[in-house]
Amino acid sequence: MSMTAAEILGSVYQRMGEQDWEGVMALLGDDFKIMEPESLPYGGIWKGKDAFQRLYPAVVSHFDEFSPVIKEIIGGSDWAAVIVDLTLISKKTGRRFVQSVTEVGRVSDGKLVEMQIHYFDTAEIAKEIGNT
């Protein structure tokens, strides 16, 4: 039995939490891409099966604490969404804050092929990491 879009996305997040990059890459399509908001220093389109492995340090390098808590994963046949609360401490300001994020993924032929990252307040993130 094949995995649902929500199960695939959940497996990706579990393996990312373990920093099991080989396991993550096994769940991604050959043309995988992840899109971060352009207003952030790590914004843009990251392509390739190693995109998460390259993006992760680019994101966490701005924070003394980076603690994601998955609130829920919901999905249909091709799309799934992860609702996440990120507890962050800015390296620049030292301020601790929580940012809500919805990360939407598309699955094709049993592989995650696309992610779109939607922060609740990109202006707050940009301010805290010095990108204003």
Foldseek 3Di string as FASTA:
>chain_A
DADAQLVLVVQLVVCVVVVVLVSNLVQADQFAWEADDPLAPLGDIQTGSCSCVVSVCVVCVQFPAWDKDWPDWDDDRFKIKTWIWTFTQGPVPRDTDIKIKIKMFTDDPRHTRYIYIGIPDVPVVCVSSVSD
